[in-house]
Amino acid sequence: MTTIQTSEITNNKIVRTVREFCQKNRETGAWPSSEHAVRAIVQQGEQSPFASAILRYHRRVLIDQVAWDACLARLSQLKTNMHINEVEDAKEMSRKIKTQSSRVHHS
């Protein structure tokens, strides 16, 4: 695998600096591709859904690409499941409204 010089692969981890991570994402068309976006996510700290992919070594911030991709997949799956639940809830509400409106008699 060809990566920028400071990247290293250990224990199924691809660890990159924020700059390298963003450069790789720009090359592949992946999100996020701007350092500003990644640093905003890093600033969220433990509240960030990507916290497990953010590594700190003194002042240096590193991104574990494998963990980041896993977090992104998990969030995508959650969003899909939430959307399915929202659709089912909307269908149920629609059924209730139709049932109620059929009972209303206009004089």
N, C-alpha and C. Protein backbone atom coordinates (compact mmCIF):
# COMPACT_ATOMS: atom_id res chain seq x y z
N MET A 1 0.84 -1.17 0.00
CA MET A 1 0.00 0.00 0.00
C MET A 1 0.89 1.24 0.00
N THR A 2 0.59 2.16 -0.84
CA THR A 2 1.36 3.38 -0.93
C THR A 2 0.64 4.47 -0.16
N THR A 3 1.30 5.01 0.84
CA THR A 3 0.74 6.13 1.59
C THR A 3 1.82 7.18 1.76
N ILE A 4 1.45 8.28 2.32
CA ILE A 4 2.42 9.33 2.58
C ILE A 4 3.40 8.84 3.63
N GLN A 5 4.59 9.37 3.63
CA GLN A 5 5.70 8.85 4.42
C GLN A 5 5.39 8.63 5.90
N THR A 6 4.65 9.51 6.54
CA THR A 6 4.44 9.36 7.97
C THR A 6 3.31 8.41 8.33
N SER A 7 2.61 7.89 7.34
CA SER A 7 1.55 6.92 7.61
C SER A 7 2.17 5.58 7.96
N GLU A 8 1.49 4.85 8.83
CA GLU A 8 1.99 3.54 9.17
C GLU A 8 0.82 2.58 9.36
N ILE A 9 1.07 1.31 9.06
CA ILE A 9 0.04 0.30 9.19
C ILE A 9 0.47 -0.66 10.31
N THR A 10 -0.36 -0.76 11.35
CA THR A 10 -0.06 -1.66 12.45
C THR A 10 -1.37 -2.22 12.99
N ASN A 11 -1.41 -3.51 13.24
CA ASN A 11 -2.57 -4.17 13.84
C ASN A 11 -3.89 -3.77 13.16
N ASN A 12 -3.93 -3.91 11.86
CA ASN A 12 -5.12 -3.55 11.08
C ASN A 12 -5.53 -2.10 11.25
N LYS A 13 -4.57 -1.25 11.45
CA LYS A 13 -4.84 0.18 11.55
C LYS A 13 -4.07 0.90 10.46
N ILE A 14 -4.71 1.87 9.87
CA ILE A 14 -4.02 2.77 8.95
C ILE A 14 -4.09 4.13 9.63
N VAL A 15 -2.97 4.56 10.16
CA VAL A 15 -2.92 5.78 10.95
C VAL A 15 -2.31 6.89 10.11
N ARG A 16 -3.06 8.02 10.03
CA ARG A 16 -2.60 9.16 9.23
C ARG A 16 -2.78 10.44 10.03
N THR A 17 -1.98 11.43 9.69
CA THR A 17 -2.22 12.76 10.24
C THR A 17 -3.49 13.30 9.60
N VAL A 18 -4.02 14.38 10.17
CA VAL A 18 -5.24 14.98 9.62
C VAL A 18 -5.01 15.40 8.17
N ARG A 19 -3.86 16.00 7.90
CA ARG A 19 -3.55 16.46 6.54
C ARG A 19 -3.50 15.28 5.57
N GLU A 20 -2.83 14.21 5.96
CA GLU A 20 -2.72 13.03 5.10
C GLU A 20 -4.09 12.38 4.89
N PHE A 21 -4.86 12.30 5.96
CA PHE A 21 -6.19 11.72 5.90
C PHE A 21 -7.05 12.48 4.89
N CYS A 22 -7.01 13.80 4.95
CA CYS A 22 -7.80 14.62 4.05
C CYS A 22 -7.30 14.52 2.61
N GLN A 23 -6.01 14.47 2.45
CA GLN A 23 -5.45 14.33 1.10
C GLN A 23 -5.89 13.01 0.48
N LYS A 24 -5.84 11.94 1.25
CA LYS A 24 -6.27 10.63 0.76
C LYS A 24 -7.77 10.65 0.41
N ASN A 25 -8.56 11.30 1.25
CA ASN A 25 -10.00 11.40 0.99
C ASN A 25 -10.28 12.21 -0.27
N ARG A 26 -9.52 13.28 -0.51
CA ARG A 26 -9.69 14.06 -1.74
C ARG A 26 -9.38 13.19 -2.96
N GLU A 27 -8.34 12.38 -2.85
CA GLU A 27 -7.96 11.51 -3.97
C GLU A 27 -9.02 10.47 -4.28
N THR A 28 -9.66 9.96 -3.24
CA THR A 28 -10.65 8.90 -3.43
C THR A 28 -12.08 9.42 -3.51
N GLY A 29 -12.27 10.71 -3.23
CA GLY A 29 -13.61 11.28 -3.25
C GLY A 29 -14.42 10.96 -2.02
N ALA A 30 -13.75 10.60 -0.94
CA ALA A 30 -14.43 10.23 0.30
C ALA A 30 -14.67 11.47 1.16
N TRP A 31 -15.56 11.33 2.13
CA TRP A 31 -15.86 12.41 3.07
C TRP A 31 -15.14 12.13 4.37
N PRO A 32 -14.68 13.13 5.09
CA PRO A 32 -14.51 14.53 4.74
C PRO A 32 -13.17 14.75 4.06
N SER A 33 -13.12 15.71 3.20
CA SER A 33 -11.87 15.95 2.48
C SER A 33 -11.21 17.26 2.89
N SER A 34 -11.83 18.00 3.81
CA SER A 34 -11.21 19.25 4.25
C SER A 34 -10.69 19.10 5.68
N GLU A 35 -9.54 19.69 5.92
CA GLU A 35 -8.95 19.65 7.26
C GLU A 35 -9.86 20.35 8.25
N HIS A 36 -10.51 21.41 7.82
CA HIS A 36 -11.40 22.14 8.71
C HIS A 36 -12.53 21.23 9.24
N ALA A 37 -13.11 20.44 8.36
CA ALA A 37 -14.20 19.53 8.76
C ALA A 37 -13.70 18.49 9.75
N VAL A 38 -12.52 17.93 9.48
CA VAL A 38 -11.98 16.91 10.38
C VAL A 38 -11.64 17.53 11.73
N ARG A 39 -11.04 18.70 11.73
CA ARG A 39 -10.67 19.34 13.00
C ARG A 39 -11.92 19.73 13.79
N ALA A 40 -13.00 20.07 13.12
CA ALA A 40 -14.26 20.35 13.82
C ALA A 40 -14.78 19.09 14.50
N ILE A 41 -14.65 17.96 13.83
CA ILE A 41 -15.07 16.68 14.42
C ILE A 41 -14.17 16.34 15.61
N VAL A 42 -12.88 16.58 15.46
CA VAL A 42 -11.92 16.31 16.55
C VAL A 42 -12.26 17.17 17.77
N GLN A 43 -12.66 18.41 17.54
CA GLN A 43 -12.99 19.33 18.63
C GLN A 43 -14.19 18.86 19.46
N GLN A 44 -15.03 18.03 18.89
CA GLN A 44 -16.19 17.51 19.62
C GLN A 44 -15.77 16.56 20.74
N GLY A 45 -14.56 16.06 20.67
CA GLY A 45 -14.04 15.19 21.72
C GLY A 45 -14.79 13.87 21.81
N GLU A 46 -15.08 13.46 23.03
CA GLU A 46 -15.73 12.17 23.26
C GLU A 46 -17.18 12.14 22.78
N GLN A 47 -17.79 13.31 22.57
CA GLN A 47 -19.16 13.35 22.07
C GLN A 47 -19.23 13.03 20.58
N SER A 48 -18.10 13.07 19.90
CA SER A 48 -18.06 12.80 18.47
C SER A 48 -18.33 11.32 18.21
N PRO A 49 -19.14 11.01 17.20
CA PRO A 49 -19.35 9.60 16.85
C PRO A 49 -18.08 8.96 16.29
N PHE A 50 -17.08 9.77 15.98
CA PHE A 50 -15.82 9.27 15.43
C PHE A 50 -14.72 9.23 16.49
N ALA A 51 -15.07 9.39 17.76
CA ALA A 51 -14.07 9.48 18.83
C ALA A 51 -13.15 8.26 18.86
N SER A 52 -13.66 7.09 18.54
CA SER A 52 -12.82 5.88 18.60
C SER A 52 -11.78 5.86 17.48
N ALA A 53 -11.95 6.69 16.47
CA ALA A 53 -11.01 6.73 15.35
C ALA A 53 -9.97 7.84 15.49
N ILE A 54 -10.13 8.67 16.50
CA ILE A 54 -9.23 9.80 16.71
C ILE A 54 -8.21 9.45 17.78
N LEU A 55 -6.97 9.48 17.40
CA LEU A 55 -5.88 9.14 18.32
C LEU A 55 -5.07 10.40 18.60
N ARG A 56 -4.63 10.55 19.83
CA ARG A 56 -3.81 11.70 20.20
C ARG A 56 -2.48 11.19 20.75
N TYR A 57 -1.44 11.80 20.26
CA TYR A 57 -0.10 11.51 20.75
C TYR A 57 0.53 12.87 21.04
N HIS A 58 0.56 13.21 22.32
CA HIS A 58 0.95 14.55 22.76
C HIS A 58 0.03 15.56 22.07
N ARG A 59 0.58 16.47 21.28
CA ARG A 59 -0.26 17.46 20.60
C ARG A 59 -0.69 17.00 19.22
N ARG A 60 -0.13 15.92 18.75
CA ARG A 60 -0.43 15.43 17.40
C ARG A 60 -1.76 14.66 17.40
N VAL A 61 -2.57 14.95 16.40
CA VAL A 61 -3.84 14.25 16.22
C VAL A 61 -3.69 13.32 15.01
N LEU A 62 -4.01 12.05 15.22
CA LEU A 62 -3.93 11.06 14.16
C LEU A 62 -5.31 10.45 13.95
N ILE A 63 -5.56 10.04 12.74
CA ILE A 63 -6.84 9.40 12.39
C ILE A 63 -6.57 7.96 11.99
N ASP A 64 -7.28 7.03 12.64
CA ASP A 64 -7.22 5.62 12.28
C ASP A 64 -8.25 5.40 11.17
N GLN A 65 -7.78 5.22 9.96
CA GLN A 65 -8.66 5.10 8.79
C GLN A 65 -9.63 3.93 8.91
N VAL A 66 -9.15 2.79 9.41
CA VAL A 66 -10.01 1.60 9.54
C VAL A 66 -11.13 1.87 10.53
N ALA A 67 -10.81 2.46 11.68
CA ALA A 67 -11.82 2.77 12.69
C ALA A 67 -12.78 3.85 12.17
N TRP A 68 -12.25 4.83 11.43
CA TRP A 68 -13.11 5.89 10.87
C TRP A 68 -14.13 5.28 9.92
N ASP A 69 -13.67 4.40 9.03
CA ASP A 69 -14.58 3.76 8.08
C ASP A 69 -15.63 2.92 8.80
N ALA A 70 -15.23 2.26 9.90
CA ALA A 70 -16.18 1.46 10.68
C ALA A 70 -17.23 2.36 11.33
N CYS A 71 -16.80 3.50 11.86
CA CYS A 71 -17.75 4.46 12.45
C CYS A 71 -18.72 4.98 11.40
N LEU A 72 -18.19 5.30 10.24
CA LEU A 72 -19.02 5.82 9.15
C LEU A 72 -20.05 4.78 8.71
N ALA A 73 -19.62 3.53 8.62
CA ALA A 73 -20.54 2.44 8.25
C ALA A 73 -21.62 2.26 9.31
N ARG A 74 -21.22 2.33 10.59
CA ARG A 74 -22.18 2.19 11.68
C ARG A 74 -23.20 3.32 11.65
N LEU A 75 -22.74 4.55 11.45
CA LEU A 75 -23.66 5.69 11.39
C LEU A 75 -24.59 5.59 10.19
N SER A 76 -24.07 5.14 9.07
CA SER A 76 -24.89 4.96 7.88
C SER A 76 -25.98 3.92 8.14
N GLN A 77 -25.61 2.83 8.80
CA GLN A 77 -26.58 1.78 9.12
C GLN A 77 -27.65 2.30 10.08
N LEU A 78 -27.23 3.07 11.09
CA LEU A 78 -28.20 3.64 12.03
C LEU A 78 -29.17 4.57 11.31
N LYS A 79 -28.65 5.39 10.41
CA LYS A 79 -29.49 6.32 9.67
C LYS A 79 -30.49 5.56 8.81
N THR A 80 -30.05 4.49 8.17
CA THR A 80 -30.94 3.67 7.35
C THR A 80 -32.03 3.06 8.21
N ASN A 81 -31.65 2.51 9.36
CA ASN A 81 -32.64 1.91 10.26
C ASN A 81 -33.62 2.95 10.77
N MET A 82 -33.12 4.15 11.10
CA MET A 82 -34.00 5.21 11.58
C MET A 82 -34.98 5.60 10.48
N HIS A 83 -34.48 5.68 9.24
CA HIS A 83 -35.35 6.05 8.13
C HIS A 83 -36.45 5.00 7.94
N ILE A 84 -36.09 3.74 8.04
CA ILE A 84 -37.08 2.67 7.90
C ILE A 84 -38.13 2.80 9.00
N ASN A 85 -37.71 3.05 10.23
CA ASN A 85 -38.65 3.22 11.34
C ASN A 85 -39.54 4.43 11.11
N GLU A 86 -38.97 5.53 10.61
CA GLU A 86 -39.77 6.72 10.33
C GLU A 86 -40.83 6.43 9.28
N VAL A 87 -40.48 5.68 8.26
CA VAL A 87 -41.44 5.33 7.21
C VAL A 87 -42.55 4.48 7.79
N GLU A 88 -42.19 3.50 8.60
CA GLU A 88 -43.21 2.64 9.22
C GLU A 88 -44.12 3.44 10.14
N ASP A 89 -43.54 4.36 10.92
CA ASP A 89 -44.35 5.21 11.80
C ASP A 89 -45.31 6.08 10.99
N ALA A 90 -44.82 6.63 9.88
CA ALA A 90 -45.65 7.47 9.03
C ALA A 90 -46.81 6.66 8.44
N LYS A 91 -46.53 5.43 8.03
CA LYS A 91 -47.60 4.58 7.49
C LYS A 91 -48.65 4.29 8.55
N GLU A 92 -48.19 4.02 9.77
CA GLU A 92 -49.11 3.73 10.87
C GLU A 92 -49.97 4.95 11.18
N MET A 93 -49.35 6.13 11.22
CA MET A 93 -50.10 7.35 11.47
C MET A 93 -51.11 7.59 10.37
N SER A 94 -50.72 7.33 9.13
CA SER A 94 -51.63 7.51 8.00
C SER A 94 -52.83 6.59 8.12
N ARG A 95 -52.60 5.35 8.53
CA ARG A 95 -53.71 4.40 8.71
C ARG A 95 -54.68 4.91 9.78
N LYS A 96 -54.15 5.43 10.88
CA LYS A 96 -55.00 5.94 11.96
C LYS A 96 -55.83 7.12 11.49
N ILE A 97 -55.22 8.02 10.73
CA ILE A 97 -55.93 9.20 10.25
C ILE A 97 -57.04 8.78 9.28
N LYS A 98 -56.76 7.84 8.40
CA LYS A 98 -57.77 7.37 7.45
C LYS A 98 -58.93 6.73 8.20
N THR A 99 -58.64 5.96 9.23
CA THR A 99 -59.67 5.30 10.02
C THR A 99 -60.53 6.32 10.73
N GLN A 100 -59.87 7.33 11.31
CA GLN A 100 -60.62 8.37 12.03
C GLN A 100 -61.46 9.20 11.09
N SER A 101 -60.95 9.54 9.92
CA SER A 101 -61.70 10.39 8.99
C SER A 101 -62.90 9.65 8.40
N SER A 102 -62.83 8.34 8.33
CA SER A 102 -63.97 7.59 7.80
C SER A 102 -65.11 7.53 8.81
N ARG A 103 -64.83 7.79 10.07
CA ARG A 103 -65.86 7.77 11.11
C ARG A 103 -66.57 9.12 11.22
N VAL A 104 -65.97 10.15 10.70
CA VAL A 104 -66.56 11.49 10.81
C VAL A 104 -67.70 11.60 9.79
N HIS A 105 -68.86 12.00 10.26
CA HIS A 105 -70.02 12.18 9.38
C HIS A 105 -70.32 13.66 9.29
N HIS A 106 -70.42 14.13 8.10
CA HIS A 106 -70.74 15.54 7.88
C HIS A 106 -72.25 15.68 7.74
N SER A 107 -72.80 16.73 8.35
CA SER A 107 -74.24 16.95 8.28
C SER A 107 -74.62 17.84 7.14
